[in-house]
Amino acid sequence: MSDKTLAQMAVEVLSTADGRAKTALSHAHAATWRAARAAGTPLAIGRASPPDHPARPERPALLDPREVPRRRPGSAQGRVAMLHAVAHIELNAVDLHWDIIARFADVPMPLGFYDDWVKAADEESKHFNLLCDCLEAQGSHYGAMPAHAGMWRAASDTAADFMGRLAVVPMVLEARGLDVTPGMIALFETAGDAQTVAALKVIYAEEVAHVAYGSKWFHFLCGRHDLDPKDVFHDLVRRYFHGLLKPPFNEEKRAEAGLPPDFYWPLTEEKPAV
């Protein structure tokens, strides 16, 4: 059994640059957490200081969002570029889930909170590796193309706001994945890429739970502080999310994840002036 705290393990993952090495460490630490929980001797959560930005490999080059080349998904090259972009999202998700554990370790939370985010980080690690396998099957690899430098912005903006982090990362950004993934699956089905279709279906199924973890613990904290979840959600998303939410929404999967329409539809429009 490890003598490290969970927060120390989280910082180790955040401090590992190579994607495959990061996800291997993520899997190992998740297994250690699960084993300790199964034995009835959970690891101490502890305290640790996560880096402002997670370690990253030299490639891909990280560009301003406006400088990232536009993808044309109808072509084979465009589909590879889309896979690369999604792999980049999944690698950031690994770090986001370990970061929420370390960054807010000073807030007392039930052990179930850590169970959920360790599991989410473990699954995001699997997703990244599945997508890397797909890229390599296409003769490419993660790092072969430039990527979006703004992926960590939501983490930076909410570094001092636990509820803001839950509102923006799982309940907005990951919920967006539920909206767009069915279209990506259809695109790769049309292209006859069975390996990528299988990977995206795994990701789609497991991302519903990640959104649900965000909703569950956001509501938990609202209850702790006697706050109205819908009003607080609207306030936090308007404060930290840059722009309006854009339909169409996958209302079925969002509902399955605990996100009712009156949470997100009002955020498609500017707040009326008082």
Protein backbone atom coordinates (compact mmCIF):
# COMPACT_ATOMS: atom_id res chain seq x y z
CA MET A 1 0.00 0.00 0.00
CA SER A 2 1.26 3.49 -0.82
CA ASP A 3 2.55 5.88 1.84
CA LYS A 4 1.66 8.82 -0.42
CA THR A 5 -1.48 10.85 0.05
CA LEU A 6 -4.05 11.09 -2.73
CA ALA A 7 -3.22 14.77 -3.21
CA GLN A 8 0.48 13.90 -3.64
CA MET A 9 -0.45 11.28 -6.23
CA ALA A 10 -2.55 13.86 -8.08
CA VAL A 11 0.38 16.28 -8.23
CA GLU A 12 2.65 13.50 -9.55
CA VAL A 13 0.27 12.97 -12.48
CA LEU A 14 0.04 16.71 -13.13
CA SER A 15 3.83 16.97 -13.10
CA THR A 16 4.37 14.21 -15.69
CA ALA A 17 4.79 15.59 -19.22
CA ASP A 18 4.57 12.65 -21.64
CA GLY A 19 0.99 11.66 -22.42
CA ARG A 20 1.47 7.89 -22.29
CA ALA A 21 3.57 8.17 -19.10
CA LYS A 22 1.01 10.50 -17.52
CA THR A 23 -1.84 8.12 -18.21
CA ALA A 24 0.16 5.08 -17.01
CA LEU A 25 0.80 6.86 -13.70
CA SER A 26 -2.86 7.89 -13.55
CA HIS A 27 -3.94 4.26 -13.98
CA ALA A 28 -1.47 3.11 -11.32
CA HIS A 29 -2.56 5.68 -8.75
CA ALA A 30 -6.24 4.98 -9.42
CA ALA A 31 -5.60 1.27 -8.84
CA THR A 32 -3.82 2.06 -5.56
CA TRP A 33 -6.77 4.19 -4.41
CA ARG A 34 -9.29 1.48 -5.31
CA ALA A 35 -7.28 -1.24 -3.58
CA ALA A 36 -7.04 0.80 -0.38
CA ARG A 37 -10.78 1.51 -0.46
CA ALA A 38 -11.57 -2.18 -1.03
CA ALA A 39 -9.36 -3.11 1.93
CA GLY A 40 -11.22 -0.64 4.14
CA THR A 41 -8.07 1.44 4.68
CA PRO A 42 -8.56 4.50 2.43
CA LEU A 43 -5.53 6.63 1.69
CA ALA A 44 -5.24 9.99 3.40
CA ILE A 45 -6.36 12.83 1.14
CA GLY A 46 -3.60 15.08 2.44
CA ARG A 47 -2.50 18.42 1.02
CA ALA A 48 -0.26 19.19 -1.93
CA SER A 49 0.42 22.16 -4.19
CA PRO A 50 -0.62 21.47 -7.78
CA PRO A 51 1.20 23.36 -10.53
CA ASP A 52 -0.57 26.31 -12.16
CA HIS A 53 -0.30 24.42 -15.46
CA PRO A 54 0.24 20.67 -15.89
CA ALA A 55 3.45 19.42 -17.46
CA ARG A 56 3.20 18.95 -21.23
CA PRO A 57 5.42 17.29 -23.85
CA GLU A 58 7.34 19.41 -26.37
CA ARG A 59 4.79 18.40 -29.00
CA PRO A 60 2.10 19.27 -29.83
CA ALA A 61 2.81 22.96 -30.22
CA LEU A 62 0.10 24.85 -28.31
CA LEU A 63 -1.43 27.69 -30.32
CA ASP A 64 -3.93 30.43 -29.70
CA PRO A 65 -7.36 29.02 -30.62
CA ARG A 66 -7.58 31.42 -33.58
CA GLU A 67 -4.33 30.01 -35.00
CA VAL A 68 -5.25 26.31 -34.88
CA PRO A 69 -5.86 25.14 -38.48
CA ARG A 70 -9.52 24.50 -39.27
CA ARG A 71 -10.47 20.84 -39.71
CA ARG A 72 -12.30 19.54 -42.79
CA PRO A 73 -13.81 16.34 -41.42
CA GLY A 74 -14.91 15.09 -44.84
CA SER A 75 -11.32 14.17 -45.72
CA ALA A 76 -9.09 11.49 -44.22
CA GLN A 77 -6.62 14.17 -43.11
CA GLY A 78 -9.46 16.15 -41.54
CA ARG A 79 -10.62 13.11 -39.59
CA VAL A 80 -7.08 12.54 -38.29
CA ALA A 81 -6.96 16.20 -37.23
CA MET A 82 -10.29 15.72 -35.41
CA LEU A 83 -8.93 12.65 -33.62
CA HIS A 84 -5.86 14.61 -32.60
CA ALA A 85 -8.01 17.42 -31.21
CA VAL A 86 -10.13 14.99 -29.19
CA ALA A 87 -7.02 13.23 -27.84
CA HIS A 88 -5.79 16.64 -26.68
CA ILE A 89 -9.10 17.23 -24.91
CA GLU A 90 -8.89 13.85 -23.19
CA LEU A 91 -5.33 14.47 -21.98
CA ASN A 92 -6.45 17.76 -20.48
CA ALA A 93 -9.37 15.95 -18.87
CA VAL A 94 -6.96 13.57 -17.11
CA ASP A 95 -5.22 16.58 -15.58
CA LEU A 96 -8.47 18.40 -14.78
CA HIS A 97 -9.77 15.48 -12.73
CA TRP A 98 -6.56 15.02 -10.77
CA ASP A 99 -6.30 18.79 -10.33
CA ILE A 100 -9.73 19.10 -8.69
CA ILE A 101 -8.59 16.51 -6.12
CA ALA A 102 -5.34 18.30 -5.25
CA ARG A 103 -6.42 21.91 -5.65
CA PHE A 104 -9.45 21.71 -3.38
CA ALA A 105 -8.13 19.16 -0.88
CA ASP A 106 -8.61 21.74 1.90
CA VAL A 107 -12.41 21.48 1.49
CA PRO A 108 -13.75 18.56 3.54
CA MET A 109 -15.60 16.18 1.21
CA PRO A 110 -16.99 12.65 1.54
CA LEU A 111 -14.80 9.81 0.29
CA GLY A 112 -17.31 9.27 -2.50
CA PHE A 113 -16.16 12.55 -4.04
CA TYR A 114 -12.64 11.16 -4.42
CA ASP A 115 -13.96 7.80 -5.64
CA ASP A 116 -15.77 9.60 -8.45
CA TRP A 117 -12.93 11.84 -9.64
CA VAL A 118 -10.27 9.12 -9.40
CA LYS A 119 -12.54 6.92 -11.52
CA ALA A 120 -13.11 9.77 -13.98
CA ALA A 121 -9.36 10.42 -14.26
CA ASP A 122 -8.74 6.71 -14.77
CA GLU A 123 -11.32 6.57 -17.56
CA GLU A 124 -10.01 9.73 -19.25
CA SER A 125 -6.57 8.08 -19.24
CA LYS A 126 -8.07 5.11 -21.06
CA HIS A 127 -9.80 7.46 -23.53
CA PHE A 128 -6.54 9.24 -24.36
CA ASN A 129 -4.77 5.95 -25.01
CA LEU A 130 -7.62 4.63 -27.17
CA LEU A 131 -7.42 7.76 -29.32
CA CYS A 132 -3.62 7.57 -29.52
CA ASP A 133 -4.02 3.98 -30.76
CA CYS A 134 -6.47 5.22 -33.41
CA LEU A 135 -4.06 7.97 -34.48
CA GLU A 136 -1.18 5.52 -34.74
CA ALA A 137 -3.33 3.14 -36.80
CA GLN A 138 -3.79 6.05 -39.23
CA GLY A 139 -0.03 6.62 -39.46
CA SER A 140 -0.06 9.63 -37.13
CA HIS A 141 0.48 10.21 -33.40
CA TYR A 142 -0.39 12.62 -30.61
CA GLY A 143 1.87 15.64 -31.04
CA ALA A 144 1.95 15.47 -34.83
CA MET A 145 -0.30 18.54 -35.17
CA PRO A 146 -0.65 21.81 -33.25
CA ALA A 147 -3.28 21.94 -30.54
CA HIS A 148 -5.49 24.38 -28.65
CA ALA A 149 -3.58 26.34 -25.98
CA GLY A 150 -6.78 27.48 -24.27
CA MET A 151 -7.78 24.06 -22.91
CA TRP A 152 -6.48 24.86 -19.42
CA ARG A 153 -8.19 28.27 -19.26
CA ALA A 154 -11.25 27.00 -17.38
CA ALA A 155 -8.97 25.45 -14.77
CA SER A 156 -6.98 28.66 -14.36
CA ASP A 157 -10.12 30.80 -14.14
CA THR A 158 -11.64 28.59 -11.43
CA ALA A 159 -8.44 27.80 -9.50
CA ALA A 160 -9.85 29.51 -6.38
CA ASP A 161 -13.51 28.57 -6.83
CA PHE A 162 -14.49 24.96 -6.15
CA MET A 163 -18.12 25.37 -7.20
CA GLY A 164 -17.05 27.35 -10.26
CA ARG A 165 -14.77 24.47 -11.29
CA LEU A 166 -17.61 21.95 -11.00
CA ALA A 167 -19.99 24.23 -12.90
CA VAL A 168 -17.70 24.98 -15.83
CA VAL A 169 -15.64 21.82 -16.37
CA PRO A 170 -17.97 18.83 -16.03
CA MET A 171 -21.33 20.62 -16.29
CA VAL A 172 -20.48 22.82 -19.31
CA LEU A 173 -17.35 21.57 -21.10
CA GLU A 174 -17.86 17.83 -20.63
CA ALA A 175 -21.59 18.20 -21.23
CA ARG A 176 -20.69 19.70 -24.60
CA GLY A 177 -18.99 16.41 -25.41
CA LEU A 178 -22.36 14.67 -25.00
CA ASP A 179 -23.77 17.03 -27.64
CA VAL A 180 -21.10 16.55 -30.31
CA THR A 181 -19.90 12.95 -29.92
CA PRO A 182 -22.87 11.28 -31.70
CA GLY A 183 -22.07 13.32 -34.82
CA MET A 184 -18.43 12.28 -34.66
CA ILE A 185 -19.42 8.62 -34.31
CA ALA A 186 -21.63 8.94 -37.41
CA LEU A 187 -18.79 10.58 -39.33
CA PHE A 188 -16.33 7.76 -38.61
CA GLU A 189 -19.01 5.12 -39.27
CA THR A 190 -19.50 6.63 -42.73
CA ALA A 191 -15.74 6.49 -43.27
CA GLY A 192 -15.69 2.81 -42.28
CA ASP A 193 -13.27 3.38 -39.38
CA ALA A 194 -14.45 0.69 -36.96
CA GLN A 195 -11.58 1.20 -34.50
CA THR A 196 -12.36 4.88 -33.99
CA VAL A 197 -16.11 4.23 -33.81
CA ALA A 198 -15.53 1.70 -31.03
CA ALA A 199 -13.27 4.13 -29.12
CA LEU A 200 -15.75 7.01 -29.42
CA LYS A 201 -18.62 4.81 -28.23
CA VAL A 202 -16.64 3.92 -25.08
CA ILE A 203 -15.90 7.60 -24.49
CA TYR A 204 -19.53 8.64 -25.09
CA ALA A 205 -20.88 6.07 -22.63
CA GLU A 206 -18.43 6.98 -19.86
CA GLU A 207 -18.61 10.76 -20.25
CA VAL A 208 -22.25 10.74 -19.10
CA ALA A 209 -21.06 9.65 -15.66
CA HIS A 210 -18.41 12.38 -15.55
CA VAL A 211 -21.02 15.05 -16.17
CA ALA A 212 -23.18 13.37 -13.53
CA TYR A 213 -20.33 13.53 -10.98
CA GLY A 214 -20.11 17.26 -11.58
CA SER A 215 -23.84 17.74 -11.12
CA LYS A 216 -23.96 15.53 -8.02
CA TRP A 217 -21.17 17.29 -6.17
CA PHE A 218 -22.26 20.74 -7.31
CA HIS A 219 -25.70 20.06 -5.81
CA PHE A 220 -24.03 18.64 -2.69
CA LEU A 221 -22.09 21.87 -2.13
CA CYS A 222 -25.16 24.00 -2.83
CA GLY A 223 -27.01 22.00 -0.20
CA ARG A 224 -24.16 22.42 2.28
CA HIS A 225 -24.36 26.21 1.84
CA ASP A 226 -28.16 26.42 1.47
CA LEU A 227 -27.95 27.82 -2.06
CA ASP A 228 -30.27 27.42 -5.04
CA PRO A 229 -28.33 25.21 -7.52
CA LYS A 230 -29.86 26.62 -10.69
CA ASP A 231 -29.30 30.27 -9.76
CA VAL A 232 -25.74 29.61 -8.59
CA PHE A 233 -24.98 27.61 -11.74
CA HIS A 234 -26.16 30.44 -13.98
CA ASP A 235 -24.11 33.00 -12.03
CA LEU A 236 -20.93 30.92 -12.09
CA VAL A 237 -21.13 29.99 -15.77
CA ARG A 238 -21.70 33.62 -16.73
CA ARG A 239 -18.71 34.58 -14.60
CA TYR A 240 -16.23 31.95 -15.76
CA PHE A 241 -17.35 30.62 -19.15
CA HIS A 242 -16.35 32.83 -22.05
CA GLY A 243 -19.36 33.03 -24.34
CA LEU A 244 -22.87 31.65 -24.60
CA LEU A 245 -23.81 27.97 -24.64
CA LYS A 246 -24.67 26.81 -28.14
CA PRO A 247 -27.46 24.41 -29.07
CA PRO A 248 -28.33 21.83 -30.27
CA PHE A 249 -28.16 20.01 -26.94
CA ASN A 250 -28.30 16.28 -26.31
CA GLU A 251 -31.18 16.68 -23.88
CA GLU A 252 -31.59 12.96 -23.25
CA LYS A 253 -28.00 12.36 -22.18
CA ARG A 254 -27.84 15.66 -20.29
CA ALA A 255 -30.94 14.63 -18.32
CA GLU A 256 -29.36 11.23 -17.65
CA ALA A 257 -26.38 13.11 -16.19
CA GLY A 258 -28.58 15.27 -13.94
CA LEU A 259 -28.66 18.41 -16.09
CA PRO A 260 -32.24 19.59 -16.72
CA PRO A 261 -32.97 22.03 -19.58
CA ASP A 262 -33.63 24.99 -17.27
CA PHE A 263 -29.96 24.84 -16.24
CA TYR A 264 -28.48 25.33 -19.70
CA TRP A 265 -31.06 26.85 -22.05
CA PRO A 266 -31.06 30.26 -20.25
CA LEU A 267 -27.28 30.40 -20.87
CA THR A 268 -27.81 30.45 -24.65
CA GLU A 269 -28.82 34.12 -24.41
CA GLU A 270 -27.33 37.22 -22.82
CA LYS A 271 -28.65 37.94 -19.35
CA PRO A 272 -31.40 40.57 -19.62
CA ALA A 273 -30.39 43.99 -18.30
CA VAL A 274 -31.92 44.81 -14.93
